[in-house]
Amino acid sequence: MLIRHIMAAKPVSVSPEESILLASRLLFRYNIGSLPVCSADGTLRGVITDRDIVLRCVALGDSPASTSVSSAMSRCVYAVSPDDDVSRAVLLMSDAQVRRLPVAENGRLVGVVSLCDIARLRSLSAETASVLAGISCGIRGV
């Protein structure tokens, strides 16, 4: 199955210039742990997680209201294409130990696929189910 068939289109994102405070409010509002970071034209620039905010802003004593997303975001982003098979997303999630992946087409954000989206598939193989369980439990290379 292709990513485009299970991804969430029109994901919530934040720009690199926005404040950490805004990013944290979006994470809270949508009950998610990460946000794609995109420039004004939709180009994927990174990802910011709740953990990034804590370790790269709050723990350092920086003000979330005056610290930009670009200073705390992760620039090394694992992403998939809408035309990738779901198995590619599972492998990337396992390698990176993440529960969500941005979906990009020509460098622009077009969606997000989550562990939950994949887990809902009725056609999961035993191997895929095992990898998903490993991601949930933080086990690499299951």
N, C-alpha and C. Protein backbone atom coordinates (compact mmCIF):
# COMPACT_ATOMS: atom_id res chain seq x y z
N MET A 1 0.84 -1.18 0.00
CA MET A 1 0.00 0.00 0.00
C MET A 1 0.89 1.25 0.00
N LEU A 2 0.44 2.28 -0.69
CA LEU A 2 1.20 3.52 -0.78
C LEU A 2 0.88 4.46 0.38
N ILE A 3 1.87 5.24 0.74
CA ILE A 3 1.73 6.24 1.82
C ILE A 3 0.55 7.17 1.55
N ARG A 4 0.36 7.58 0.30
CA ARG A 4 -0.69 8.55 -0.03
C ARG A 4 -2.08 8.06 0.39
N HIS A 5 -2.26 6.75 0.52
CA HIS A 5 -3.56 6.20 0.87
C HIS A 5 -3.84 6.22 2.37
N ILE A 6 -2.82 6.42 3.17
CA ILE A 6 -3.03 6.39 4.63
C ILE A 6 -2.57 7.67 5.33
N MET A 7 -1.85 8.54 4.64
CA MET A 7 -1.30 9.74 5.29
C MET A 7 -2.40 10.74 5.63
N ALA A 8 -2.11 11.58 6.59
CA ALA A 8 -2.97 12.71 6.91
C ALA A 8 -2.52 13.87 6.04
N ALA A 9 -3.40 14.33 5.18
CA ALA A 9 -3.08 15.47 4.32
C ALA A 9 -3.31 16.76 5.12
N LYS A 10 -2.70 17.84 4.69
CA LYS A 10 -2.82 19.14 5.35
C LYS A 10 -2.40 19.09 6.82
N PRO A 11 -1.19 18.63 7.08
CA PRO A 11 -0.75 18.55 8.49
C PRO A 11 -0.47 19.92 9.09
N VAL A 12 -0.54 19.97 10.38
CA VAL A 12 -0.16 21.18 11.12
C VAL A 12 1.35 21.31 11.02
N SER A 13 1.83 22.51 10.73
CA SER A 13 3.28 22.75 10.68
C SER A 13 3.56 24.12 11.27
N VAL A 14 4.84 24.42 11.39
CA VAL A 14 5.27 25.70 11.94
C VAL A 14 6.45 26.19 11.11
N SER A 15 6.64 27.49 11.05
CA SER A 15 7.77 28.05 10.30
C SER A 15 8.99 28.19 11.22
N PRO A 16 10.18 28.19 10.64
CA PRO A 16 11.40 28.30 11.45
C PRO A 16 11.49 29.60 12.24
N GLU A 17 10.81 30.64 11.76
CA GLU A 17 10.88 31.95 12.42
C GLU A 17 9.94 32.09 13.60
N GLU A 18 8.98 31.20 13.70
CA GLU A 18 8.00 31.28 14.80
C GLU A 18 8.68 30.96 16.13
N SER A 19 8.00 31.31 17.20
CA SER A 19 8.56 31.08 18.54
C SER A 19 8.32 29.65 19.01
N ILE A 20 9.18 29.23 19.92
CA ILE A 20 9.02 27.94 20.58
C ILE A 20 7.68 27.92 21.32
N LEU A 21 7.28 29.04 21.84
CA LEU A 21 6.00 29.13 22.55
C LEU A 21 4.85 28.74 21.63
N LEU A 22 4.83 29.27 20.41
CA LEU A 22 3.78 28.92 19.46
C LEU A 22 3.84 27.43 19.12
N ALA A 23 5.04 26.92 18.87
CA ALA A 23 5.19 25.50 18.55
C ALA A 23 4.66 24.63 19.68
N SER A 24 4.98 24.97 20.91
CA SER A 24 4.52 24.16 22.05
C SER A 24 3.00 24.24 22.19
N ARG A 25 2.43 25.39 21.89
CA ARG A 25 0.97 25.52 21.95
C ARG A 25 0.29 24.67 20.86
N LEU A 26 0.91 24.60 19.69
CA LEU A 26 0.37 23.75 18.62
C LEU A 26 0.47 22.27 19.00
N LEU A 27 1.59 21.89 19.59
CA LEU A 27 1.75 20.50 20.05
C LEU A 27 0.67 20.15 21.07
N PHE A 28 0.41 21.08 21.97
CA PHE A 28 -0.62 20.87 22.99
C PHE A 28 -2.01 20.82 22.38
N ARG A 29 -2.32 21.79 21.55
CA ARG A 29 -3.65 21.89 20.94
C ARG A 29 -4.03 20.64 20.14
N TYR A 30 -3.07 20.12 19.37
CA TYR A 30 -3.35 18.98 18.51
C TYR A 30 -2.94 17.64 19.13
N ASN A 31 -2.45 17.69 20.37
CA ASN A 31 -2.06 16.48 21.11
C ASN A 31 -1.10 15.62 20.30
N ILE A 32 -0.02 16.25 19.83
CA ILE A 32 1.00 15.56 19.04
C ILE A 32 2.36 15.84 19.66
N GLY A 33 3.34 15.04 19.29
CA GLY A 33 4.68 15.18 19.87
C GLY A 33 5.70 15.81 18.95
N SER A 34 5.31 16.05 17.68
CA SER A 34 6.25 16.67 16.76
C SER A 34 5.51 17.47 15.70
N LEU A 35 6.21 18.46 15.17
CA LEU A 35 5.67 19.31 14.11
C LEU A 35 6.68 19.43 12.98
N PRO A 36 6.23 19.27 11.74
CA PRO A 36 7.12 19.59 10.63
C PRO A 36 7.39 21.09 10.64
N VAL A 37 8.60 21.47 10.27
CA VAL A 37 8.97 22.88 10.17
C VAL A 37 9.14 23.18 8.69
N CYS A 38 8.37 24.15 8.20
CA CYS A 38 8.36 24.47 6.77
C CYS A 38 8.54 25.96 6.54
N SER A 39 9.24 26.28 5.45
CA SER A 39 9.36 27.68 5.06
C SER A 39 8.03 28.11 4.44
N ALA A 40 7.90 29.39 4.12
CA ALA A 40 6.65 29.95 3.62
C ALA A 40 6.14 29.25 2.36
N ASP A 41 7.04 28.72 1.54
CA ASP A 41 6.61 28.03 0.32
C ASP A 41 6.29 26.56 0.53
N GLY A 42 6.31 26.11 1.79
CA GLY A 42 5.98 24.73 2.10
C GLY A 42 7.15 23.77 2.08
N THR A 43 8.37 24.28 1.83
CA THR A 43 9.55 23.42 1.81
C THR A 43 9.85 22.91 3.21
N LEU A 44 10.01 21.60 3.33
CA LEU A 44 10.31 20.98 4.61
C LEU A 44 11.73 21.35 5.04
N ARG A 45 11.87 21.96 6.21
CA ARG A 45 13.16 22.40 6.72
C ARG A 45 13.65 21.59 7.92
N GLY A 46 12.73 20.96 8.61
CA GLY A 46 13.10 20.21 9.80
C GLY A 46 11.88 19.73 10.53
N VAL A 47 12.11 19.30 11.75
CA VAL A 47 11.04 18.84 12.64
C VAL A 47 11.37 19.35 14.03
N ILE A 48 10.35 19.76 14.75
CA ILE A 48 10.55 20.12 16.15
C ILE A 48 9.66 19.22 17.00
N THR A 49 10.25 18.67 18.04
CA THR A 49 9.52 17.78 18.94
C THR A 49 9.41 18.40 20.32
N ASP A 50 8.53 17.83 21.12
CA ASP A 50 8.42 18.29 22.50
C ASP A 50 9.75 18.11 23.23
N ARG A 51 10.46 17.05 22.89
CA ARG A 51 11.78 16.79 23.49
C ARG A 51 12.80 17.86 23.08
N ASP A 52 12.78 18.25 21.79
CA ASP A 52 13.67 19.32 21.32
C ASP A 52 13.43 20.60 22.13
N ILE A 53 12.17 20.90 22.36
CA ILE A 53 11.82 22.13 23.10
C ILE A 53 12.38 22.08 24.52
N VAL A 54 12.23 20.95 25.17
CA VAL A 54 12.72 20.82 26.54
C VAL A 54 14.24 20.88 26.59
N LEU A 55 14.91 20.10 25.75
CA LEU A 55 16.37 20.00 25.83
C LEU A 55 17.11 21.19 25.23
N ARG A 56 16.55 21.81 24.21
CA ARG A 56 17.27 22.88 23.50
C ARG A 56 16.76 24.28 23.81
N CYS A 57 15.79 24.36 24.71
CA CYS A 57 15.28 25.69 25.08
C CYS A 57 15.06 25.76 26.59
N VAL A 58 14.09 25.02 27.07
CA VAL A 58 13.71 25.12 28.49
C VAL A 58 14.86 24.75 29.43
N ALA A 59 15.53 23.64 29.16
CA ALA A 59 16.62 23.19 30.04
C ALA A 59 17.79 24.18 30.06
N LEU A 60 17.92 24.95 28.99
CA LEU A 60 19.00 25.94 28.92
C LEU A 60 18.60 27.28 29.53
N GLY A 61 17.36 27.37 29.97
CA GLY A 61 16.88 28.61 30.58
C GLY A 61 16.48 29.66 29.57
N ASP A 62 16.34 29.28 28.30
CA ASP A 62 15.93 30.24 27.27
C ASP A 62 14.43 30.47 27.35
N SER A 63 14.00 31.63 26.91
CA SER A 63 12.59 31.97 26.93
C SER A 63 11.90 31.39 25.69
N PRO A 64 10.88 30.55 25.88
CA PRO A 64 10.14 30.00 24.73
C PRO A 64 9.48 31.08 23.88
N ALA A 65 9.15 32.21 24.50
CA ALA A 65 8.49 33.30 23.76
C ALA A 65 9.46 34.02 22.83
N SER A 66 10.75 34.04 23.17
CA SER A 66 11.71 34.78 22.35
C SER A 66 12.72 33.89 21.63
N THR A 67 12.56 32.59 21.73
CA THR A 67 13.46 31.65 21.05
C THR A 67 12.76 31.13 19.81
N SER A 68 13.45 31.16 18.68
CA SER A 68 12.83 30.72 17.43
C SER A 68 12.88 29.20 17.29
N VAL A 69 11.93 28.69 16.55
CA VAL A 69 11.86 27.26 16.26
C VAL A 69 13.16 26.79 15.61
N SER A 70 13.73 27.61 14.73
CA SER A 70 14.95 27.21 14.01
C SER A 70 16.12 26.92 14.94
N SER A 71 16.12 27.51 16.12
CA SER A 71 17.23 27.28 17.05
C SER A 71 17.10 25.97 17.83
N ALA A 72 15.93 25.36 17.80
CA ALA A 72 15.73 24.13 18.57
C ALA A 72 15.33 22.93 17.71
N MET A 73 14.99 23.17 16.46
CA MET A 73 14.49 22.08 15.61
C MET A 73 15.60 21.11 15.20
N SER A 74 15.18 19.92 14.83
CA SER A 74 16.10 18.93 14.26
C SER A 74 16.12 19.15 12.76
N ARG A 75 17.31 19.31 12.22
CA ARG A 75 17.43 19.57 10.78
C ARG A 75 17.56 18.28 9.97
N CYS A 76 18.00 17.23 10.61
CA CYS A 76 18.11 15.93 9.95
C CYS A 76 16.74 15.27 10.03
N VAL A 77 16.04 15.26 8.90
CA VAL A 77 14.66 14.81 8.89
C VAL A 77 14.51 13.54 8.05
N TYR A 78 13.89 12.55 8.63
CA TYR A 78 13.48 11.38 7.88
C TYR A 78 12.12 11.71 7.30
N ALA A 79 11.95 11.49 6.01
CA ALA A 79 10.66 11.76 5.36
C ALA A 79 10.43 10.70 4.30
N VAL A 80 9.18 10.55 3.93
CA VAL A 80 8.80 9.63 2.87
C VAL A 80 8.05 10.40 1.79
N SER A 81 7.92 9.77 0.66
CA SER A 81 7.16 10.31 -0.47
C SER A 81 5.76 9.72 -0.44
N PRO A 82 4.78 10.42 -0.99
CA PRO A 82 3.44 9.84 -1.04
C PRO A 82 3.39 8.55 -1.88
N ASP A 83 4.36 8.38 -2.77
CA ASP A 83 4.39 7.20 -3.63
C ASP A 83 5.25 6.07 -3.07
N ASP A 84 5.82 6.26 -1.88
CA ASP A 84 6.56 5.18 -1.22
C ASP A 84 5.59 4.15 -0.67
N ASP A 85 6.06 2.92 -0.59
CA ASP A 85 5.28 1.87 0.03
C ASP A 85 5.33 2.05 1.55
N VAL A 86 4.29 1.62 2.22
CA VAL A 86 4.21 1.72 3.67
C VAL A 86 5.40 1.04 4.34
N SER A 87 5.92 -0.01 3.73
CA SER A 87 7.06 -0.72 4.32
C SER A 87 8.28 0.20 4.47
N ARG A 88 8.45 1.14 3.56
CA ARG A 88 9.55 2.11 3.69
C ARG A 88 9.37 2.98 4.93
N ALA A 89 8.16 3.43 5.16
CA ALA A 89 7.88 4.24 6.35
C ALA A 89 8.17 3.44 7.62
N VAL A 90 7.78 2.18 7.63
CA VAL A 90 8.02 1.32 8.80
C VAL A 90 9.51 1.21 9.07
N LEU A 91 10.30 0.98 8.01
CA LEU A 91 11.76 0.88 8.19
C LEU A 91 12.36 2.18 8.70
N LEU A 92 11.93 3.31 8.14
CA LEU A 92 12.46 4.61 8.61
C LEU A 92 12.05 4.88 10.05
N MET A 93 10.81 4.58 10.39
CA MET A 93 10.36 4.78 11.77
C MET A 93 11.17 3.92 12.73
N SER A 94 11.46 2.71 12.33
CA SER A 94 12.25 1.82 13.17
C SER A 94 13.68 2.34 13.33
N ASP A 95 14.30 2.73 12.22
CA ASP A 95 15.68 3.24 12.26
C ASP A 95 15.79 4.50 13.12
N ALA A 96 14.85 5.41 12.94
CA ALA A 96 14.91 6.70 13.64
C ALA A 96 14.20 6.70 14.99
N GLN A 97 13.48 5.62 15.28
CA GLN A 97 12.68 5.53 16.51
C GLN A 97 11.75 6.72 16.66
N VAL A 98 10.96 6.95 15.59
CA VAL A 98 9.96 8.02 15.59
C VAL A 98 8.59 7.43 15.31
N ARG A 99 7.58 8.14 15.73
CA ARG A 99 6.21 7.69 15.54
C ARG A 99 5.49 8.43 14.43
N ARG A 100 6.11 9.46 13.89
CA ARG A 100 5.51 10.24 12.80
C ARG A 100 6.59 10.58 11.79
N LEU A 101 6.21 10.57 10.52
CA LEU A 101 7.12 10.98 9.45
C LEU A 101 6.44 12.01 8.57
N PRO A 102 7.16 13.07 8.24
CA PRO A 102 6.63 13.99 7.24
C PRO A 102 6.57 13.28 5.88
N VAL A 103 5.60 13.65 5.08
CA VAL A 103 5.48 13.16 3.72
C VAL A 103 5.75 14.35 2.81
N ALA A 104 6.79 14.23 2.00
CA ALA A 104 7.20 15.35 1.15
C ALA A 104 7.21 14.94 -0.31
N GLU A 105 6.81 15.87 -1.16
CA GLU A 105 6.84 15.68 -2.60
C GLU A 105 7.57 16.88 -3.20
N ASN A 106 8.65 16.61 -3.92
CA ASN A 106 9.48 17.68 -4.47
C ASN A 106 9.95 18.64 -3.37
N GLY A 107 10.25 18.09 -2.20
CA GLY A 107 10.77 18.89 -1.09
C GLY A 107 9.73 19.62 -0.29
N ARG A 108 8.47 19.56 -0.71
CA ARG A 108 7.40 20.27 -0.02
C ARG A 108 6.53 19.32 0.79
N LEU A 109 6.15 19.78 1.97
CA LEU A 109 5.31 18.97 2.86
C LEU A 109 3.92 18.79 2.26
N VAL A 110 3.46 17.54 2.17
CA VAL A 110 2.12 17.26 1.66
C VAL A 110 1.29 16.43 2.64
N GLY A 111 1.95 15.94 3.70
CA GLY A 111 1.22 15.13 4.66
C GLY A 111 2.11 14.64 5.77
N VAL A 112 1.52 13.85 6.64
CA VAL A 112 2.24 13.19 7.73
C VAL A 112 1.66 11.79 7.85
N VAL A 113 2.54 10.83 8.07
CA VAL A 113 2.08 9.47 8.32
C VAL A 113 2.54 9.09 9.72
N SER A 114 1.64 8.47 10.47
CA SER A 114 1.96 8.12 11.86
C SER A 114 1.95 6.62 12.06
N LEU A 115 2.52 6.22 13.15
CA LEU A 115 2.52 4.83 13.57
C LEU A 115 1.08 4.32 13.65
N CYS A 116 0.21 5.15 14.14
CA CYS A 116 -1.20 4.79 14.27
C CYS A 116 -1.85 4.56 12.90
N ASP A 117 -1.51 5.40 11.92
CA ASP A 117 -2.04 5.22 10.56
C ASP A 117 -1.67 3.85 10.01
N ILE A 118 -0.44 3.45 10.25
CA ILE A 118 0.04 2.16 9.75
C ILE A 118 -0.58 1.01 10.54
N ALA A 119 -0.68 1.19 11.85
CA ALA A 119 -1.23 0.12 12.70
C ALA A 119 -2.68 -0.18 12.36
N ARG A 120 -3.39 0.77 11.78
CA ARG A 120 -4.80 0.57 11.42
C ARG A 120 -4.98 -0.32 10.19
N LEU A 121 -3.91 -0.52 9.44
CA LEU A 121 -4.02 -1.33 8.23
C LEU A 121 -4.36 -2.78 8.57
N ARG A 122 -5.28 -3.33 7.87
CA ARG A 122 -5.69 -4.71 8.11
C ARG A 122 -4.70 -5.70 7.51
N SER A 123 -3.88 -5.24 6.58
CA SER A 123 -2.99 -6.14 5.85
C SER A 123 -1.58 -6.19 6.43
N LEU A 124 -1.41 -5.90 7.71
CA LEU A 124 -0.10 -5.93 8.32
C LEU A 124 0.46 -7.34 8.39
N SER A 125 1.70 -7.48 7.98
CA SER A 125 2.36 -8.77 8.13
C SER A 125 2.83 -8.91 9.58
N ALA A 126 3.15 -10.12 9.97
CA ALA A 126 3.66 -10.36 11.33
C ALA A 126 4.95 -9.59 11.55
N GLU A 127 5.79 -9.52 10.51
CA GLU A 127 7.06 -8.80 10.63
C GLU A 127 6.83 -7.31 10.84
N THR A 128 5.90 -6.73 10.07
CA THR A 128 5.59 -5.31 10.21
C THR A 128 5.02 -5.03 11.58
N ALA A 129 4.12 -5.87 12.04
CA ALA A 129 3.53 -5.70 13.37
C ALA A 129 4.61 -5.74 14.45
N SER A 130 5.60 -6.61 14.29
CA SER A 130 6.70 -6.71 15.25
C SER A 130 7.54 -5.43 15.26
N VAL A 131 7.80 -4.90 14.06
CA VAL A 131 8.58 -3.65 13.97
C VAL A 131 7.81 -2.50 14.62
N LEU A 132 6.50 -2.43 14.37
CA LEU A 132 5.69 -1.38 14.99
C LEU A 132 5.70 -1.49 16.51
N ALA A 133 5.62 -2.69 17.01
CA ALA A 133 5.68 -2.90 18.46
C ALA A 133 7.03 -2.44 18.99
N GLY A 134 8.09 -2.69 18.24
CA GLY A 134 9.42 -2.26 18.65
C GLY A 134 9.55 -0.75 18.71
N ILE A 135 8.91 -0.06 17.78
CA ILE A 135 8.94 1.40 17.80
C ILE A 135 8.21 1.90 19.04
N SER A 136 7.07 1.32 19.33
CA SER A 136 6.30 1.73 20.51
C SER A 136 7.08 1.52 21.80
N CYS A 137 7.88 0.47 21.81
CA CYS A 137 8.62 0.13 23.03
C CYS A 137 10.05 0.69 23.01
N GLY A 138 10.42 1.37 21.94
CA GLY A 138 11.76 1.95 21.85
C GLY A 138 12.85 0.93 21.55
N ILE A 139 12.51 -0.14 20.83
CA ILE A 139 13.48 -1.16 20.50
C ILE A 139 13.92 -0.99 19.06
N ARG A 140 15.21 -0.83 18.83
CA ARG A 140 15.73 -0.66 17.47
C ARG A 140 15.99 -2.00 16.82
N GLY A 141 15.83 -2.00 15.50
CA GLY A 141 16.21 -3.16 14.71
C GLY A 141 15.48 -4.43 15.04
N VAL A 142 14.21 -4.32 15.37
CA VAL A 142 13.41 -5.50 15.70
C VAL A 142 13.23 -6.33 14.45
